[in-house]
Protein backbone atom coordinates (compact mmCIF):
# COMPACT_ATOMS: atom_id res chain seq x y z
CA MET A 1 5.36 0.11 22.00
CA THR A 2 4.99 -2.19 19.02
CA LYS A 3 6.00 -0.59 15.66
CA PHE A 4 4.56 -1.24 12.22
CA LEU A 5 5.85 0.02 8.78
CA ILE A 6 2.89 0.81 6.45
CA ALA A 7 4.12 1.42 2.91
CA GLY A 8 1.94 2.75 0.11
CA LEU A 9 3.45 2.42 -3.38
CA GLY A 10 3.01 4.90 -6.04
CA ASN A 11 4.78 7.48 -8.12
CA ILE A 12 5.60 11.05 -7.08
CA GLY A 13 4.57 13.95 -9.14
CA ALA A 14 1.30 15.81 -9.75
CA GLU A 15 0.71 13.85 -13.14
CA TYR A 16 0.37 10.62 -11.13
CA ALA A 17 -1.63 11.91 -8.09
CA HIS A 18 -4.82 9.89 -7.58
CA THR A 19 -4.20 7.39 -10.50
CA ARG A 20 -4.97 3.83 -10.28
CA HIS A 21 -1.29 3.05 -9.88
CA ASN A 22 -0.98 5.51 -6.85
CA ILE A 23 -3.81 3.87 -4.78
CA GLY A 24 -1.11 2.86 -2.23
CA PHE A 25 -0.28 6.43 -1.73
CA ASP A 26 -4.03 7.30 -1.38
CA VAL A 27 -4.70 4.51 1.23
CA VAL A 28 -1.81 5.47 3.32
CA ALA A 29 -2.65 9.20 3.08
CA ALA A 30 -6.27 8.35 4.29
CA PHE A 31 -4.88 6.35 7.24
CA VAL A 32 -2.65 9.20 8.21
CA ALA A 33 -5.44 11.80 7.87
CA LYS A 34 -7.75 9.64 9.86
CA HIS A 35 -5.37 9.64 12.77
CA GLY A 36 -4.61 13.43 12.55
CA GLY A 37 -1.14 12.95 11.18
CA THR A 38 0.96 14.82 8.57
CA PHE A 39 3.71 13.89 6.16
CA ARG A 40 7.05 15.29 6.04
CA ASN A 41 9.59 14.79 3.19
CA ASP A 42 12.36 12.71 4.58
CA ARG A 43 14.90 10.42 3.22
CA LEU A 44 13.60 8.42 0.25
CA ALA A 45 9.92 8.94 1.20
CA TYR A 46 7.20 11.01 2.47
CA VAL A 47 6.87 9.85 6.11
CA ALA A 48 4.21 10.30 8.83
CA GLU A 49 4.25 8.70 12.33
CA ILE A 50 1.00 7.74 14.00
CA SER A 51 0.29 6.44 17.44
CA TRP A 52 -2.91 4.54 17.99
CA LYS A 53 -4.02 2.06 20.74
CA GLY A 54 -0.32 1.60 22.02
CA ARG A 55 1.03 1.01 18.55
CA GLN A 56 3.37 3.11 16.48
CA PHE A 57 2.83 3.28 12.68
CA VAL A 58 5.74 4.67 10.44
CA CYS A 59 3.86 5.28 7.25
CA ILE A 60 5.70 5.89 4.05
CA CYS A 61 5.16 6.80 0.49
CA PRO A 62 8.47 6.33 -1.39
CA THR A 63 9.80 9.30 -3.43
CA THR A 64 11.93 6.75 -5.51
CA TYR A 65 9.11 6.01 -8.02
CA MET A 66 7.38 2.68 -8.05
CA ASN A 67 10.07 0.63 -9.72
CA LEU A 68 12.61 1.50 -6.89
CA SER A 69 10.28 1.27 -3.83
CA GLY A 70 12.52 -1.37 -2.21
CA ARG A 71 15.29 1.13 -1.20
CA ALA A 72 12.82 3.24 0.79
CA PHE A 73 10.99 0.18 2.30
CA LYS A 74 14.22 -1.25 3.50
CA TYR A 75 15.73 1.96 4.77
CA TRP A 76 12.75 2.82 6.90
CA MET A 77 12.34 -0.80 8.21
CA ASP A 78 15.96 -0.87 9.26
CA LYS A 79 16.04 2.68 10.51
CA GLU A 80 13.00 2.22 12.68
CA LYS A 81 14.06 -1.40 13.67
CA ILE A 82 10.73 -2.74 12.50
CA PRO A 83 10.52 -6.57 12.01
CA LEU A 84 9.62 -7.70 8.48
CA GLU A 85 6.38 -9.44 10.00
CA ASN A 86 5.21 -5.96 11.20
CA THR A 87 5.23 -4.55 7.66
CA LEU A 88 2.33 -4.02 5.34
CA THR A 89 2.68 -2.85 1.68
CA ILE A 90 -0.37 -1.59 -0.17
CA VAL A 91 -0.42 -1.73 -4.00
CA ASP A 92 -2.67 -1.62 -7.05
CA ASP A 93 -3.52 -4.98 -8.70
CA LEU A 94 -4.70 -5.33 -12.35
CA ALA A 95 -5.51 -9.06 -11.84
CA LEU A 96 -8.23 -8.24 -9.26
CA PRO A 97 -11.55 -6.63 -10.10
CA LEU A 98 -12.24 -3.20 -8.66
CA ALA A 99 -14.60 -4.80 -6.00
CA LYS A 100 -11.79 -6.91 -4.61
CA LEU A 101 -9.09 -6.51 -1.83
CA ARG A 102 -6.57 -9.36 -1.03
CA LEU A 103 -4.20 -9.59 1.81
CA ARG A 104 -1.29 -12.07 1.85
CA LYS A 105 1.46 -12.63 4.17
CA SER A 106 3.94 -13.53 1.34
CA GLY A 107 3.95 -14.59 -2.24
CA SER A 108 4.66 -13.60 -5.85
CA ALA A 109 5.07 -10.04 -7.09
CA GLY A 110 2.50 -10.96 -9.67
CA GLY A 111 4.20 -8.78 -12.36
CA HIS A 112 3.92 -5.66 -9.98
CA ASN A 113 7.36 -3.77 -10.32
CA GLY A 114 7.21 -2.17 -7.02
CA LEU A 115 6.71 -5.55 -5.32
CA LYS A 116 9.57 -7.07 -7.32
CA ASP A 117 11.95 -4.40 -6.19
CA ILE A 118 11.09 -4.85 -2.56
CA GLU A 119 11.60 -8.70 -3.06
CA ASN A 120 14.95 -8.02 -4.76
CA ILE A 121 16.25 -5.68 -2.06
CA LEU A 122 15.08 -7.85 0.82
CA GLY A 123 15.92 -11.08 -0.82
CA THR A 124 12.60 -12.53 0.11
CA ASP A 125 8.86 -12.50 -0.68
CA GLN A 126 7.87 -13.15 3.09
CA TYR A 127 6.28 -9.79 3.78
CA ALA A 128 2.55 -8.83 3.97
CA ARG A 129 0.92 -6.97 1.03
CA LEU A 130 -2.57 -5.73 0.55
CA ARG A 131 -3.65 -5.72 -2.96
CA PHE A 132 -6.26 -3.15 -4.05
CA GLY A 133 -8.05 -4.50 -7.23
CA ILE A 134 -8.21 -1.80 -9.96
CA GLY A 135 -9.68 -4.23 -12.66
CA ASN A 136 -8.38 -4.66 -16.25
CA ASN A 137 -10.90 -2.82 -18.29
CA TYR A 138 -8.66 -1.58 -21.03
CA PRO A 139 -8.19 -2.12 -24.72
CA LYS A 140 -5.31 -4.33 -25.90
CA GLY A 141 -2.01 -2.47 -25.66
CA ARG A 142 -3.37 0.33 -23.47
CA GLN A 143 -2.34 -1.12 -19.93
CA ALA A 144 0.05 1.62 -19.15
CA ASP A 145 -2.54 4.18 -20.05
CA PHE A 146 -5.19 2.52 -17.89
CA VAL A 147 -2.97 2.03 -14.74
CA LEU A 148 -1.59 5.54 -15.06
CA GLY A 149 -5.11 6.99 -15.62
CA LYS A 150 -7.55 8.67 -13.28
CA TRP A 151 -10.56 6.71 -11.87
CA LEU A 152 -13.62 7.00 -13.80
CA ASP A 153 -16.51 9.10 -12.28
CA ALA A 154 -18.51 5.80 -11.95
CA GLU A 155 -15.68 4.17 -9.97
CA LYS A 156 -15.08 7.02 -7.47
CA VAL A 157 -17.57 6.05 -4.86
CA GLU A 158 -16.56 2.46 -4.71
CA VAL A 159 -12.88 3.44 -4.51
CA GLN A 160 -13.55 5.85 -1.65
CA LEU A 161 -15.37 2.99 0.17
CA LYS A 162 -12.50 0.72 -0.37
CA ILE A 163 -10.03 3.06 0.82
CA GLU A 164 -12.02 3.47 4.03
CA LYS A 165 -12.08 -0.31 4.41
CA CYS A 166 -8.17 -0.35 3.78
CA VAL A 167 -7.88 1.94 6.66
CA ASP A 168 -9.73 -0.52 8.87
CA ILE A 169 -7.45 -3.37 7.47
CA ILE A 170 -4.41 -1.57 8.55
CA ARG A 171 -5.81 -1.28 12.10
CA TRP A 172 -6.81 -5.07 12.05
CA PHE A 173 -3.39 -5.97 10.88
CA ALA A 174 -1.87 -4.25 13.85
CA THR A 175 -4.32 -5.38 16.44
CA MET A 176 -5.41 -8.92 15.43
CA GLY A 177 -2.50 -10.06 13.35
CA ILE A 178 -2.37 -11.18 9.68
CA GLU A 179 -4.17 -14.50 9.92
CA GLN A 180 -7.19 -13.01 11.54
CA THR A 181 -7.21 -10.03 9.35
CA ILE A 182 -7.22 -12.37 6.23
CA SER A 183 -10.16 -14.11 7.72
CA GLU A 184 -12.04 -10.90 8.22
CA ILE A 185 -11.34 -9.78 4.57
CA ASN A 186 -12.52 -13.15 3.33
CA LYS A 187 -15.94 -12.43 5.13
CA LEU A 188 -16.36 -9.12 3.22
């Protein structure tokens, strides 16, 4: 059975739940819920294991805080013997408008501290990441408040639709591969 590591990045704690910066957690939680799974608190992460269409998904939400996500990522990748090309990391992205999703098989951390830590721990940027646009509609000097803030009521319907689309993207990634999945996203 082919295994995949699906890592949603965010921060633990009730004060961070369902904030823009925790969208990675929300996407992975939606994927797990859609497939009837449940999380357990395990080493460095909340972990859920899902079987779907002959594939095994190890889904993690690191409990190390965003800036130290690499430790959990590497631990679970190694423990489960998952090749790097079978990993997908879901993160928020200030540089993308709310309406956008972007999947890449490698590339820059783009200022995202969670991705920077994964790259530092792995020693490479050659891993897939799905960026969930959160926009940048904040006053100068208020970036942290915006990123750590809750979604506006006017954004919630679009955010929920994008989360559902991300669940599909995780499935496509595992069944069609990254190149075909990128093509499908570009059609959206």
